Amino acid sequence: MAMCKVSSSVHFVTRSAAGGQEISSRAHWVPNTDVYATDNGLVVKVELAGMRSEHLEITVEGNRMRIAGSRPDGCRAAKASFLVMEINYGPFESVLELPSGYDLGQAKAAYLNGFLRIDVPLSQRQVKNTKVPVAEGV
């Protein structure tokens, strides 16, 4: 399963606040994210160094998972003159659209050493072939 930011069975929905509804007007950046399949389900791994777990919010709607929060900027000097500035601070939001066959309602998340890991198990719901009984004229 390949990961692509625009299209594939697993993809980011990352429209800007001006160009779409998916990212709220307060979101400033999208964190680096890996999504990969295992024998047991999917793993979503998000790089979020410098955060605390209580500043993270994960919500699920249908087959979409929204990961949001805010990384505090408490380490920059007030009158700093940057030569390189690549670390994002402030609010972020990432919306992942996951393929069917996974149970987002049973997802488990853990934050450790700057990485958020979300394990999404395979769905236990099996599609069964069933016969619908036909009653004699009613």
N, C-alpha and C. Protein backbone atom coordinates (compact mmCIF):
# COMPACT_ATOMS: atom_id res chain seq x y z
N MET A 1 0.86 -1.17 0.00
CA MET A 1 0.00 0.00 0.00
C MET A 1 0.90 1.23 0.00
N ALA A 2 0.77 2.07 -0.98
CA ALA A 2 1.58 3.27 -1.09
C ALA A 2 0.89 4.44 -0.40
N MET A 3 1.69 5.35 0.09
CA MET A 3 1.16 6.55 0.74
C MET A 3 1.31 7.72 -0.20
N CYS A 4 0.27 8.46 -0.37
CA CYS A 4 0.29 9.60 -1.27
C CYS A 4 -0.50 10.73 -0.63
N LYS A 5 -0.03 11.94 -0.78
CA LYS A 5 -0.71 13.07 -0.15
C LYS A 5 -1.98 13.50 -0.87
N VAL A 6 -2.17 13.07 -2.10
CA VAL A 6 -3.34 13.53 -2.82
C VAL A 6 -4.27 12.39 -3.21
N SER A 7 -3.71 11.28 -3.67
CA SER A 7 -4.59 10.19 -4.09
C SER A 7 -3.99 8.84 -3.76
N SER A 8 -4.80 7.88 -3.58
CA SER A 8 -4.56 6.47 -3.34
C SER A 8 -5.60 6.03 -2.35
N SER A 9 -5.54 4.78 -1.93
CA SER A 9 -6.56 4.31 -1.00
C SER A 9 -6.35 4.88 0.40
N VAL A 10 -5.18 5.37 0.69
CA VAL A 10 -4.91 6.09 1.94
C VAL A 10 -4.34 7.43 1.51
N HIS A 11 -5.00 8.51 1.87
CA HIS A 11 -4.44 9.80 1.47
C HIS A 11 -4.78 10.90 2.46
N PHE A 12 -3.97 11.96 2.38
CA PHE A 12 -4.21 13.13 3.19
C PHE A 12 -5.25 14.01 2.52
N VAL A 13 -6.08 14.61 3.31
CA VAL A 13 -6.97 15.65 2.82
C VAL A 13 -6.44 16.91 3.48
N THR A 14 -5.70 17.70 2.74
CA THR A 14 -5.00 18.83 3.33
C THR A 14 -5.27 20.12 2.57
N ARG A 15 -6.51 20.45 2.36
CA ARG A 15 -6.84 21.70 1.70
C ARG A 15 -6.61 22.86 2.67
N SER A 16 -6.17 23.97 2.15
CA SER A 16 -5.94 25.13 3.01
C SER A 16 -7.27 25.71 3.47
N ALA A 17 -7.23 26.53 4.49
CA ALA A 17 -8.44 27.15 5.01
C ALA A 17 -9.09 28.02 3.94
N ALA A 18 -8.28 28.65 3.09
CA ALA A 18 -8.83 29.51 2.04
C ALA A 18 -9.40 28.68 0.89
N GLY A 19 -8.83 27.49 0.65
CA GLY A 19 -9.24 26.71 -0.51
C GLY A 19 -10.18 25.57 -0.22
N GLY A 20 -10.55 25.34 1.01
CA GLY A 20 -11.43 24.22 1.29
C GLY A 20 -11.84 24.19 2.74
N GLN A 21 -12.64 23.18 3.09
CA GLN A 21 -13.18 23.13 4.43
C GLN A 21 -12.43 22.17 5.34
N GLU A 22 -11.50 21.39 4.83
CA GLU A 22 -10.94 20.30 5.62
C GLU A 22 -10.03 20.75 6.76
N ILE A 23 -9.27 21.80 6.58
CA ILE A 23 -8.39 22.26 7.65
C ILE A 23 -9.00 23.53 8.23
N SER A 24 -9.11 23.56 9.54
CA SER A 24 -9.74 24.72 10.16
C SER A 24 -8.86 25.95 9.97
N SER A 25 -9.44 27.11 10.15
CA SER A 25 -8.71 28.35 9.93
C SER A 25 -7.59 28.54 10.94
N ARG A 26 -7.59 27.78 12.01
CA ARG A 26 -6.53 27.94 13.01
C ARG A 26 -5.32 27.05 12.74
N ALA A 27 -5.43 26.09 11.84
CA ALA A 27 -4.32 25.17 11.58
C ALA A 27 -3.27 25.85 10.71
N HIS A 28 -2.00 25.72 11.11
CA HIS A 28 -0.90 26.37 10.40
C HIS A 28 -0.01 25.39 9.65
N TRP A 29 0.02 24.15 10.05
CA TRP A 29 0.95 23.19 9.44
C TRP A 29 0.42 21.77 9.55
N VAL A 30 1.01 20.86 8.77
CA VAL A 30 0.63 19.46 8.76
C VAL A 30 1.87 18.64 9.12
N PRO A 31 1.83 17.81 10.16
CA PRO A 31 3.01 17.05 10.58
C PRO A 31 3.36 15.92 9.60
N ASN A 32 4.64 15.51 9.62
CA ASN A 32 5.09 14.36 8.84
C ASN A 32 4.40 13.12 9.37
N THR A 33 3.89 12.29 8.46
CA THR A 33 3.09 11.13 8.84
C THR A 33 3.44 9.93 7.98
N ASP A 34 3.54 8.76 8.61
CA ASP A 34 3.67 7.48 7.91
C ASP A 34 2.41 6.67 8.19
N VAL A 35 1.92 5.96 7.18
CA VAL A 35 0.81 5.02 7.36
C VAL A 35 1.24 3.74 6.68
N TYR A 36 1.18 2.62 7.43
CA TYR A 36 1.57 1.35 6.84
C TYR A 36 0.69 0.22 7.38
N ALA A 37 0.56 -0.82 6.54
CA ALA A 37 -0.27 -1.97 6.88
C ALA A 37 0.58 -3.05 7.53
N THR A 38 -0.01 -3.74 8.50
CA THR A 38 0.60 -4.91 9.14
C THR A 38 -0.39 -6.06 9.02
N ASP A 39 -0.03 -7.22 9.54
CA ASP A 39 -0.95 -8.36 9.51
C ASP A 39 -2.20 -8.10 10.35
N ASN A 40 -2.11 -7.19 11.33
CA ASN A 40 -3.22 -6.93 12.25
C ASN A 40 -4.05 -5.70 11.91
N GLY A 41 -3.55 -4.85 11.02
CA GLY A 41 -4.28 -3.62 10.70
C GLY A 41 -3.37 -2.57 10.13
N LEU A 42 -3.70 -1.32 10.40
CA LEU A 42 -2.91 -0.18 9.95
C LEU A 42 -2.21 0.48 11.13
N VAL A 43 -1.05 1.06 10.85
CA VAL A 43 -0.34 1.87 11.83
C VAL A 43 -0.19 3.27 11.23
N VAL A 44 -0.60 4.27 12.01
CA VAL A 44 -0.41 5.67 11.64
C VAL A 44 0.63 6.20 12.61
N LYS A 45 1.74 6.72 12.09
CA LYS A 45 2.82 7.24 12.93
C LYS A 45 3.05 8.70 12.55
N VAL A 46 2.93 9.60 13.55
CA VAL A 46 3.00 11.04 13.30
C VAL A 46 4.16 11.62 14.11
N GLU A 47 5.00 12.40 13.44
CA GLU A 47 6.16 13.02 14.07
C GLU A 47 5.74 14.33 14.74
N LEU A 48 5.76 14.35 16.09
CA LEU A 48 5.27 15.50 16.85
C LEU A 48 6.18 15.81 18.03
N ALA A 49 7.45 16.02 17.78
CA ALA A 49 8.41 16.31 18.85
C ALA A 49 8.03 17.59 19.59
N GLY A 50 8.29 17.61 20.89
CA GLY A 50 8.07 18.80 21.70
C GLY A 50 6.65 19.02 22.15
N MET A 51 5.84 17.98 22.05
CA MET A 51 4.44 18.12 22.46
C MET A 51 4.16 17.27 23.68
N ARG A 52 3.00 17.46 24.24
CA ARG A 52 2.50 16.64 25.34
C ARG A 52 1.23 15.97 24.85
N SER A 53 0.98 14.77 25.33
CA SER A 53 -0.18 14.00 24.86
C SER A 53 -1.50 14.72 25.12
N GLU A 54 -1.58 15.50 26.19
CA GLU A 54 -2.84 16.20 26.48
C GLU A 54 -3.13 17.33 25.50
N HIS A 55 -2.15 17.69 24.65
CA HIS A 55 -2.37 18.73 23.65
C HIS A 55 -2.73 18.15 22.29
N LEU A 56 -2.99 16.83 22.24
CA LEU A 56 -3.36 16.16 21.00
C LEU A 56 -4.83 15.77 21.03
N GLU A 57 -5.47 15.85 19.88
CA GLU A 57 -6.87 15.46 19.76
C GLU A 57 -7.03 14.59 18.52
N ILE A 58 -7.61 13.42 18.71
CA ILE A 58 -7.86 12.51 17.60
C ILE A 58 -9.36 12.27 17.54
N THR A 59 -9.97 12.55 16.40
CA THR A 59 -11.39 12.30 16.23
C THR A 59 -11.60 11.47 14.96
N VAL A 60 -12.68 10.71 14.96
CA VAL A 60 -13.00 9.82 13.85
C VAL A 60 -14.41 10.09 13.37
N GLU A 61 -14.56 10.18 12.05
CA GLU A 61 -15.88 10.30 11.45
C GLU A 61 -15.87 9.46 10.18
N GLY A 62 -16.65 8.39 10.19
CA GLY A 62 -16.66 7.48 9.05
C GLY A 62 -15.29 6.84 8.88
N ASN A 63 -14.70 6.99 7.69
CA ASN A 63 -13.37 6.43 7.45
C ASN A 63 -12.29 7.51 7.52
N ARG A 64 -12.63 8.65 8.11
CA ARG A 64 -11.66 9.74 8.25
C ARG A 64 -11.20 9.88 9.70
N MET A 65 -9.89 10.07 9.85
CA MET A 65 -9.30 10.32 11.16
C MET A 65 -8.67 11.71 11.13
N ARG A 66 -9.05 12.52 12.10
CA ARG A 66 -8.51 13.88 12.22
C ARG A 66 -7.58 13.93 13.42
N ILE A 67 -6.35 14.37 13.18
CA ILE A 67 -5.35 14.52 14.24
C ILE A 67 -5.03 16.01 14.32
N ALA A 68 -5.23 16.60 15.49
CA ALA A 68 -5.03 18.03 15.64
C ALA A 68 -4.38 18.34 16.97
N GLY A 69 -3.83 19.54 17.08
CA GLY A 69 -3.22 19.98 18.32
C GLY A 69 -2.46 21.26 18.09
N SER A 70 -1.59 21.58 19.04
CA SER A 70 -0.78 22.78 18.92
C SER A 70 0.56 22.53 19.60
N ARG A 71 1.66 22.80 18.86
CA ARG A 71 3.00 22.66 19.45
C ARG A 71 3.40 24.03 19.98
N PRO A 72 3.66 24.13 21.28
CA PRO A 72 4.01 25.42 21.87
C PRO A 72 5.37 25.92 21.40
N ASP A 73 5.48 27.23 21.30
CA ASP A 73 6.74 27.87 20.89
C ASP A 73 7.28 28.65 22.08
N GLY A 74 7.90 27.94 23.00
CA GLY A 74 8.42 28.59 24.19
C GLY A 74 9.92 28.70 24.22
N CYS A 75 10.61 28.34 23.14
CA CYS A 75 12.07 28.29 23.20
C CYS A 75 12.75 29.35 22.35
N ARG A 76 12.02 30.11 21.56
CA ARG A 76 12.66 31.13 20.73
C ARG A 76 12.92 32.39 21.54
N ALA A 77 14.08 32.98 21.32
CA ALA A 77 14.40 34.26 21.96
C ALA A 77 13.57 35.35 21.29
N ALA A 78 13.17 36.35 22.07
CA ALA A 78 12.29 37.41 21.57
C ALA A 78 12.90 38.17 20.39
N LYS A 79 14.21 38.41 20.41
CA LYS A 79 14.85 39.20 19.36
C LYS A 79 15.80 38.36 18.52
N ALA A 80 15.45 37.09 18.29
CA ALA A 80 16.30 36.20 17.51
C ALA A 80 16.24 36.57 16.03
N SER A 81 17.38 36.41 15.36
CA SER A 81 17.47 36.61 13.91
C SER A 81 17.82 35.26 13.31
N PHE A 82 16.84 34.58 12.73
CA PHE A 82 17.03 33.21 12.26
C PHE A 82 17.85 33.15 10.98
N LEU A 83 18.75 32.18 10.92
CA LEU A 83 19.47 31.86 9.70
C LEU A 83 18.75 30.72 8.98
N VAL A 84 18.19 29.80 9.74
CA VAL A 84 17.38 28.70 9.22
C VAL A 84 16.20 28.54 10.16
N MET A 85 15.00 28.39 9.61
CA MET A 85 13.81 28.21 10.44
C MET A 85 12.94 27.16 9.78
N GLU A 86 13.04 25.90 10.23
CA GLU A 86 12.31 24.79 9.63
C GLU A 86 11.36 24.10 10.58
N ILE A 87 11.39 24.41 11.85
CA ILE A 87 10.51 23.75 12.82
C ILE A 87 9.20 24.52 12.91
N ASN A 88 8.11 23.79 12.73
CA ASN A 88 6.78 24.40 12.79
C ASN A 88 6.26 24.42 14.21
N TYR A 89 5.67 25.55 14.59
CA TYR A 89 5.04 25.71 15.89
C TYR A 89 3.62 26.19 15.68
N GLY A 90 2.83 26.09 16.73
CA GLY A 90 1.45 26.55 16.67
C GLY A 90 0.50 25.43 16.31
N PRO A 91 -0.72 25.77 15.93
CA PRO A 91 -1.75 24.77 15.65
C PRO A 91 -1.46 23.97 14.39
N PHE A 92 -1.86 22.69 14.41
CA PHE A 92 -1.73 21.84 13.24
C PHE A 92 -2.98 20.97 13.12
N GLU A 93 -3.16 20.43 11.93
CA GLU A 93 -4.26 19.51 11.69
C GLU A 93 -3.92 18.63 10.50
N SER A 94 -4.23 17.35 10.63
CA SER A 94 -4.05 16.41 9.55
C SER A 94 -5.30 15.53 9.49
N VAL A 95 -5.85 15.37 8.29
CA VAL A 95 -7.02 14.52 8.11
C VAL A 95 -6.63 13.38 7.18
N LEU A 96 -6.76 12.15 7.67
CA LEU A 96 -6.43 10.97 6.88
C LEU A 96 -7.71 10.26 6.49
N GLU A 97 -7.80 9.88 5.24
CA GLU A 97 -8.92 9.08 4.77
C GLU A 97 -8.39 7.67 4.58
N LEU A 98 -8.90 6.72 5.38
CA LEU A 98 -8.39 5.36 5.37
C LEU A 98 -9.31 4.44 4.57
N PRO A 99 -8.75 3.38 3.99
CA PRO A 99 -9.57 2.47 3.20
C PRO A 99 -10.54 1.69 4.08
N SER A 100 -11.56 1.11 3.46
CA SER A 100 -12.50 0.28 4.22
C SER A 100 -11.79 -0.98 4.67
N GLY A 101 -12.37 -1.67 5.62
CA GLY A 101 -11.77 -2.90 6.14
C GLY A 101 -11.03 -2.70 7.45
N TYR A 102 -11.03 -1.48 7.97
CA TYR A 102 -10.36 -1.17 9.23
C TYR A 102 -11.37 -0.57 10.19
N ASP A 103 -11.24 -0.88 11.48
CA ASP A 103 -12.20 -0.45 12.50
C ASP A 103 -11.65 0.75 13.26
N LEU A 104 -11.94 1.96 12.77
CA LEU A 104 -11.44 3.17 13.42
C LEU A 104 -12.00 3.34 14.83
N GLY A 105 -13.15 2.76 15.09
CA GLY A 105 -13.75 2.83 16.43
C GLY A 105 -12.95 2.08 17.48
N GLN A 106 -12.08 1.17 17.06
CA GLN A 106 -11.25 0.39 17.98
C GLN A 106 -9.78 0.82 17.95
N ALA A 107 -9.49 1.98 17.34
CA ALA A 107 -8.11 2.47 17.25
C ALA A 107 -7.55 2.76 18.64
N LYS A 108 -6.26 2.52 18.82
CA LYS A 108 -5.56 2.81 20.07
C LYS A 108 -4.38 3.73 19.75
N ALA A 109 -4.20 4.76 20.58
CA ALA A 109 -3.14 5.74 20.34
C ALA A 109 -2.20 5.82 21.53
N ALA A 110 -0.91 6.03 21.24
CA ALA A 110 0.10 6.23 22.28
C ALA A 110 1.11 7.27 21.78
N TYR A 111 1.57 8.14 22.69
CA TYR A 111 2.56 9.16 22.34
C TYR A 111 3.82 8.88 23.14
N LEU A 112 4.94 8.67 22.43
CA LEU A 112 6.20 8.34 23.09
C LEU A 112 7.37 8.87 22.27
N ASN A 113 8.31 9.51 22.94
CA ASN A 113 9.54 10.01 22.32
C ASN A 113 9.29 10.86 21.08
N GLY A 114 8.27 11.70 21.12
CA GLY A 114 8.01 12.61 20.02
C GLY A 114 7.20 12.04 18.87
N PHE A 115 6.75 10.80 19.00
CA PHE A 115 5.94 10.17 17.95
C PHE A 115 4.58 9.75 18.50
N LEU A 116 3.55 10.07 17.75
CA LEU A 116 2.20 9.58 18.04
C LEU A 116 2.00 8.35 17.18
N ARG A 117 1.64 7.22 17.80
CA ARG A 117 1.38 5.99 17.06
C ARG A 117 -0.07 5.60 17.30
N ILE A 118 -0.78 5.39 16.20
CA ILE A 118 -2.17 4.98 16.26
C ILE A 118 -2.29 3.64 15.55
N ASP A 119 -2.75 2.63 16.28
CA ASP A 119 -2.97 1.30 15.71
C ASP A 119 -4.45 1.14 15.41
N VAL A 120 -4.76 0.83 14.16
CA VAL A 120 -6.15 0.67 13.72
C VAL A 120 -6.32 -0.79 13.30
N PRO A 121 -7.10 -1.57 14.07
CA PRO A 121 -7.24 -3.00 13.75
C PRO A 121 -8.10 -3.25 12.50
N LEU A 122 -7.91 -4.43 11.94
CA LEU A 122 -8.79 -4.87 10.86
C LEU A 122 -10.20 -4.95 11.39
N SER A 123 -11.16 -4.68 10.54
CA SER A 123 -12.56 -4.77 10.93
C SER A 123 -12.94 -6.23 11.14
N GLN A 124 -13.69 -6.50 12.19
CA GLN A 124 -14.14 -7.85 12.49
C GLN A 124 -15.47 -8.16 11.80
N ARG A 125 -16.08 -7.12 11.26
CA ARG A 125 -17.36 -7.33 10.57
C ARG A 125 -17.11 -8.05 9.26
N GLN A 126 -17.73 -9.17 9.10
CA GLN A 126 -17.63 -9.96 7.88
C GLN A 126 -18.89 -9.79 7.07
N VAL A 127 -18.74 -9.61 5.80
CA VAL A 127 -19.91 -9.54 4.92
C VAL A 127 -20.30 -10.98 4.61
N LYS A 128 -21.49 -11.36 5.02
CA LYS A 128 -21.96 -12.73 4.82
C LYS A 128 -22.97 -12.75 3.70
N ASN A 129 -22.98 -13.86 2.98
CA ASN A 129 -24.02 -14.06 1.98
C ASN A 129 -25.26 -14.52 2.74
N THR A 130 -26.32 -13.80 2.57
CA THR A 130 -27.55 -14.17 3.26
C THR A 130 -28.68 -14.27 2.27
N LYS A 131 -29.67 -15.05 2.63
CA LYS A 131 -30.88 -15.16 1.81
C LYS A 131 -31.97 -14.40 2.52
N VAL A 132 -32.72 -13.66 1.75
CA VAL A 132 -33.84 -12.93 2.31
C VAL A 132 -35.09 -13.77 2.05
N PRO A 133 -35.78 -14.16 3.11
CA PRO A 133 -36.99 -15.00 2.90
C PRO A 133 -38.09 -14.21 2.20
N VAL A 134 -38.80 -14.87 1.34
CA VAL A 134 -39.92 -14.25 0.63
C VAL A 134 -41.20 -14.84 1.20
N ALA A 135 -42.03 -13.97 1.78
CA ALA A 135 -43.29 -14.43 2.37
C ALA A 135 -44.33 -14.62 1.29
N GLU A 136 -45.25 -15.57 1.52
CA GLU A 136 -46.38 -15.76 0.61
C GLU A 136 -47.28 -14.53 0.70
N GLY A 137 -47.88 -14.11 -0.40
CA GLY A 137 -48.72 -12.91 -0.50
C GLY A 137 -49.30 -12.42 0.80
N VAL A 138 -49.16 -11.15 1.06
CA VAL A 138 -49.64 -10.56 2.30
C VAL A 138 -50.89 -9.78 2.09
